[in-house]
Amino acid sequence: MRTPGLAITVILALAIGANAATESAVMAGAGVLAGAALGFVAARLAGSYFPDVKMPGVLPVVLSALVLPAAAVVASMVPAARAARIDVIPALRSE
């Protein structure tokens, strides 16, 4: 027979994990947008000083815009999953 506490613990663990994924995805998306804007400005500025500097192609920009946020979400899920497994009450009592 299932206990209600177990279901609540599982729901809270999923909610904590989903919150961490959403938060990290938003931060990574903001970083990609800011990086793209600053990279464009830096490339234009460098192009005015160095005539051989060209803007990168579309493929490297799109691939990095997909890989970097995915890596950020995965990297943030590891600590969130570890924190979700900790029983809070004994951890707080030991502090």
N, C-alpha and C. Protein backbone atom coordinates (compact mmCIF):
# COMPACT_ATOMS: atom_id res chain seq x y z
N MET A 1 0.84 -1.17 0.00
CA MET A 1 0.00 0.00 0.00
C MET A 1 0.89 1.24 0.00
N ARG A 2 0.53 2.20 -0.79
CA ARG A 2 1.30 3.44 -0.88
C ARG A 2 0.94 4.38 0.25
N THR A 3 1.95 5.12 0.67
CA THR A 3 1.69 6.15 1.67
C THR A 3 1.58 7.49 0.97
N PRO A 4 0.74 8.41 1.48
CA PRO A 4 0.62 9.72 0.83
C PRO A 4 1.92 10.51 0.85
N GLY A 5 2.75 10.28 1.86
CA GLY A 5 4.01 11.01 1.96
C GLY A 5 4.94 10.72 0.79
N LEU A 6 4.95 9.48 0.33
CA LEU A 6 5.81 9.11 -0.79
C LEU A 6 5.37 9.83 -2.06
N ALA A 7 4.08 9.89 -2.31
CA ALA A 7 3.58 10.58 -3.50
C ALA A 7 3.90 12.06 -3.44
N ILE A 8 3.75 12.66 -2.29
CA ILE A 8 4.07 14.08 -2.14
C ILE A 8 5.55 14.32 -2.36
N THR A 9 6.39 13.43 -1.84
CA THR A 9 7.84 13.56 -2.03
C THR A 9 8.20 13.47 -3.50
N VAL A 10 7.61 12.54 -4.22
CA VAL A 10 7.89 12.39 -5.66
C VAL A 10 7.41 13.62 -6.42
N ILE A 11 6.25 14.13 -6.09
CA ILE A 11 5.74 15.32 -6.77
C ILE A 11 6.63 16.52 -6.51
N LEU A 12 7.06 16.68 -5.25
CA LEU A 12 7.96 17.80 -4.94
C LEU A 12 9.30 17.66 -5.64
N ALA A 13 9.83 16.45 -5.73
CA ALA A 13 11.10 16.24 -6.42
C ALA A 13 10.97 16.59 -7.90
N LEU A 14 9.86 16.19 -8.51
CA LEU A 14 9.64 16.53 -9.92
C LEU A 14 9.47 18.04 -10.09
N ALA A 15 8.78 18.67 -9.16
CA ALA A 15 8.59 20.12 -9.26
C ALA A 15 9.90 20.86 -9.10
N ILE A 16 10.74 20.41 -8.18
CA ILE A 16 12.05 21.06 -7.99
C ILE A 16 12.89 20.88 -9.24
N GLY A 17 12.89 19.70 -9.81
CA GLY A 17 13.66 19.45 -11.02
C GLY A 17 13.16 20.27 -12.19
N ALA A 18 11.84 20.37 -12.35
CA ALA A 18 11.27 21.15 -13.44
C ALA A 18 11.58 22.62 -13.26
N ASN A 19 11.55 23.11 -12.02
CA ASN A 19 11.86 24.50 -11.76
C ASN A 19 13.31 24.79 -12.10
N ALA A 20 14.21 23.90 -11.75
CA ALA A 20 15.63 24.11 -12.05
C ALA A 20 15.87 24.09 -13.55
N ALA A 21 15.18 23.20 -14.26
CA ALA A 21 15.35 23.14 -15.72
C ALA A 21 14.81 24.40 -16.37
N THR A 22 13.67 24.88 -15.92
CA THR A 22 13.09 26.09 -16.50
C THR A 22 13.97 27.29 -16.21
N GLU A 23 14.42 27.41 -14.98
CA GLU A 23 15.26 28.55 -14.62
C GLU A 23 16.58 28.54 -15.39
N SER A 24 17.19 27.37 -15.51
CA SER A 24 18.46 27.31 -16.23
C SER A 24 18.26 27.53 -17.72
N ALA A 25 17.12 27.10 -18.27
CA ALA A 25 16.85 27.34 -19.69
C ALA A 25 16.65 28.82 -19.97
N VAL A 26 15.98 29.51 -19.06
CA VAL A 26 15.78 30.95 -19.23
C VAL A 26 17.12 31.69 -19.14
N MET A 27 17.93 31.32 -18.16
CA MET A 27 19.23 31.97 -18.02
C MET A 27 20.13 31.67 -19.21
N ALA A 28 20.12 30.44 -19.70
CA ALA A 28 20.94 30.08 -20.85
C ALA A 28 20.44 30.80 -22.11
N GLY A 29 19.13 30.91 -22.26
CA GLY A 29 18.58 31.63 -23.42
C GLY A 29 18.96 33.11 -23.38
N ALA A 30 18.91 33.71 -22.20
CA ALA A 30 19.32 35.10 -22.08
C ALA A 30 20.80 35.26 -22.39
N GLY A 31 21.60 34.29 -21.97
CA GLY A 31 23.03 34.32 -22.26
C GLY A 31 23.32 34.19 -23.74
N VAL A 32 22.56 33.33 -24.42
CA VAL A 32 22.74 33.16 -25.87
C VAL A 32 22.36 34.44 -26.60
N LEU A 33 21.26 35.04 -26.21
CA LEU A 33 20.85 36.29 -26.86
C LEU A 33 21.85 37.41 -26.62
N ALA A 34 22.30 37.56 -25.38
CA ALA A 34 23.28 38.60 -25.08
C ALA A 34 24.60 38.31 -25.79
N GLY A 35 25.01 37.06 -25.82
CA GLY A 35 26.25 36.69 -26.50
C GLY A 35 26.17 36.92 -28.00
N ALA A 36 25.02 36.62 -28.59
CA ALA A 36 24.87 36.83 -30.02
C ALA A 36 24.91 38.32 -30.35
N ALA A 37 24.24 39.13 -29.54
CA ALA A 37 24.23 40.57 -29.79
C ALA A 37 25.63 41.16 -29.61
N LEU A 38 26.29 40.83 -28.52
CA LEU A 38 27.64 41.35 -28.29
C LEU A 38 28.65 40.78 -29.30
N GLY A 39 28.46 39.54 -29.69
CA GLY A 39 29.34 38.95 -30.70
C GLY A 39 29.19 39.64 -32.04
N PHE A 40 27.95 39.98 -32.40
CA PHE A 40 27.72 40.70 -33.65
C PHE A 40 28.40 42.06 -33.62
N VAL A 41 28.24 42.77 -32.51
CA VAL A 41 28.87 44.09 -32.37
C VAL A 41 30.39 43.96 -32.40
N ALA A 42 30.94 42.97 -31.70
CA ALA A 42 32.38 42.77 -31.67
C ALA A 42 32.92 42.40 -33.06
N ALA A 43 32.19 41.59 -33.80
CA ALA A 43 32.63 41.21 -35.14
C ALA A 43 32.61 42.42 -36.07
N ARG A 44 31.59 43.25 -35.96
CA ARG A 44 31.53 44.47 -36.79
C ARG A 44 32.66 45.42 -36.43
N LEU A 45 32.93 45.57 -35.14
CA LEU A 45 34.01 46.43 -34.68
C LEU A 45 35.37 45.90 -35.14
N ALA A 46 35.57 44.60 -35.00
CA ALA A 46 36.83 44.00 -35.45
C ALA A 46 36.97 44.11 -36.96
N GLY A 47 35.86 43.99 -37.68
CA GLY A 47 35.90 44.12 -39.14
C GLY A 47 36.27 45.52 -39.59
N SER A 48 35.98 46.52 -38.78
CA SER A 48 36.36 47.88 -39.16
C SER A 48 37.85 48.13 -38.96
N TYR A 49 38.47 47.38 -38.03
CA TYR A 49 39.91 47.53 -37.79
C TYR A 49 40.74 46.55 -38.63
N PHE A 50 40.20 45.36 -38.81
CA PHE A 50 40.90 44.32 -39.56
C PHE A 50 40.04 43.90 -40.74
N PRO A 51 40.40 44.29 -41.95
CA PRO A 51 39.52 44.03 -43.10
C PRO A 51 39.35 42.55 -43.43
N ASP A 52 40.24 41.68 -42.99
CA ASP A 52 40.11 40.25 -43.31
C ASP A 52 39.17 39.50 -42.38
N VAL A 53 38.70 40.14 -41.32
CA VAL A 53 37.79 39.48 -40.38
C VAL A 53 36.40 39.46 -40.99
N LYS A 54 35.82 38.25 -41.01
CA LYS A 54 34.47 38.09 -41.59
C LYS A 54 33.53 37.53 -40.52
N MET A 55 32.26 37.77 -40.71
CA MET A 55 31.24 37.24 -39.80
C MET A 55 31.20 35.71 -39.96
N PRO A 56 30.95 34.98 -38.86
CA PRO A 56 30.85 33.52 -38.99
C PRO A 56 29.59 33.14 -39.77
N GLY A 57 29.59 31.94 -40.29
CA GLY A 57 28.43 31.45 -41.03
C GLY A 57 27.26 31.17 -40.11
N VAL A 58 26.16 30.82 -40.72
CA VAL A 58 24.93 30.57 -39.96
C VAL A 58 25.04 29.26 -39.17
N LEU A 59 25.63 28.25 -39.75
CA LEU A 59 25.68 26.93 -39.10
C LEU A 59 26.40 26.96 -37.75
N PRO A 60 27.60 27.54 -37.63
CA PRO A 60 28.24 27.56 -36.30
C PRO A 60 27.44 28.35 -35.26
N VAL A 61 26.81 29.41 -35.68
CA VAL A 61 26.03 30.22 -34.74
C VAL A 61 24.81 29.45 -34.26
N VAL A 62 24.11 28.79 -35.17
CA VAL A 62 22.90 28.04 -34.80
C VAL A 62 23.28 26.84 -33.94
N LEU A 63 24.34 26.13 -34.29
CA LEU A 63 24.75 24.98 -33.49
C LEU A 63 25.15 25.39 -32.08
N SER A 64 25.89 26.47 -31.96
CA SER A 64 26.27 26.91 -30.61
C SER A 64 25.06 27.41 -29.83
N ALA A 65 24.10 28.01 -30.52
CA ALA A 65 22.88 28.48 -29.85
C ALA A 65 22.02 27.31 -29.38
N LEU A 66 22.20 26.14 -29.96
CA LEU A 66 21.46 24.96 -29.51
C LEU A 66 22.22 24.16 -28.46
N VAL A 67 23.53 24.05 -28.63
CA VAL A 67 24.33 23.21 -27.74
C VAL A 67 24.54 23.87 -26.38
N LEU A 68 24.82 25.16 -26.35
CA LEU A 68 25.12 25.82 -25.07
C LEU A 68 23.95 25.80 -24.09
N PRO A 69 22.72 26.15 -24.50
CA PRO A 69 21.61 26.04 -23.53
C PRO A 69 21.34 24.61 -23.10
N ALA A 70 21.50 23.65 -24.01
CA ALA A 70 21.30 22.24 -23.62
C ALA A 70 22.32 21.82 -22.57
N ALA A 71 23.56 22.23 -22.74
CA ALA A 71 24.60 21.91 -21.76
C ALA A 71 24.31 22.60 -20.43
N ALA A 72 23.80 23.81 -20.46
CA ALA A 72 23.47 24.53 -19.23
C ALA A 72 22.34 23.84 -18.47
N VAL A 73 21.33 23.36 -19.18
CA VAL A 73 20.20 22.68 -18.53
C VAL A 73 20.68 21.37 -17.92
N VAL A 74 21.48 20.61 -18.65
CA VAL A 74 21.98 19.34 -18.12
C VAL A 74 22.87 19.58 -16.90
N ALA A 75 23.73 20.59 -16.98
CA ALA A 75 24.62 20.89 -15.86
C ALA A 75 23.86 21.35 -14.62
N SER A 76 22.73 22.00 -14.79
CA SER A 76 21.95 22.44 -13.64
C SER A 76 21.05 21.34 -13.09
N MET A 77 20.75 20.33 -13.89
CA MET A 77 19.89 19.26 -13.42
C MET A 77 20.61 18.33 -12.46
N VAL A 78 21.92 18.18 -12.58
CA VAL A 78 22.66 17.28 -11.69
C VAL A 78 22.57 17.75 -10.24
N PRO A 79 22.89 19.02 -9.91
CA PRO A 79 22.73 19.44 -8.52
C PRO A 79 21.26 19.46 -8.07
N ALA A 80 20.34 19.76 -8.97
CA ALA A 80 18.92 19.78 -8.59
C ALA A 80 18.44 18.37 -8.26
N ALA A 81 18.86 17.39 -9.02
CA ALA A 81 18.47 16.01 -8.74
C ALA A 81 19.08 15.54 -7.42
N ARG A 82 20.33 15.92 -7.16
CA ARG A 82 20.98 15.55 -5.91
C ARG A 82 20.27 16.20 -4.73
N ALA A 83 19.89 17.45 -4.87
CA ALA A 83 19.20 18.15 -3.79
C ALA A 83 17.80 17.59 -3.56
N ALA A 84 17.16 17.10 -4.61
CA ALA A 84 15.81 16.55 -4.46
C ALA A 84 15.81 15.23 -3.71
N ARG A 85 16.94 14.52 -3.71
CA ARG A 85 17.01 13.24 -3.01
C ARG A 85 17.29 13.39 -1.53
N ILE A 86 17.71 14.56 -1.09
CA ILE A 86 18.06 14.75 0.32
C ILE A 86 16.80 14.92 1.15
N ASP A 87 16.77 14.23 2.27
CA ASP A 87 15.66 14.40 3.20
C ASP A 87 15.92 15.68 3.98
N VAL A 88 15.00 16.61 3.92
CA VAL A 88 15.23 17.96 4.41
C VAL A 88 15.33 18.04 5.93
N ILE A 89 14.45 17.36 6.61
CA ILE A 89 14.38 17.49 8.07
C ILE A 89 15.67 17.03 8.75
N PRO A 90 16.20 15.85 8.45
CA PRO A 90 17.48 15.47 9.10
C PRO A 90 18.63 16.38 8.68
N ALA A 91 18.61 16.86 7.46
CA ALA A 91 19.67 17.77 7.01
C ALA A 91 19.63 19.08 7.79
N LEU A 92 18.43 19.60 8.04
CA LEU A 92 18.30 20.82 8.81
C LEU A 92 18.65 20.60 10.28
N ARG A 93 18.30 19.44 10.81
CA ARG A 93 18.63 19.16 12.21
C ARG A 93 20.13 19.03 12.41
N SER A 94 20.83 18.52 11.42
CA SER A 94 22.28 18.33 11.58
C SER A 94 23.02 19.66 11.48
N GLU A 95 22.40 20.68 10.92
CA GLU A 95 23.05 21.98 10.81
C GLU A 95 22.98 22.63 12.13
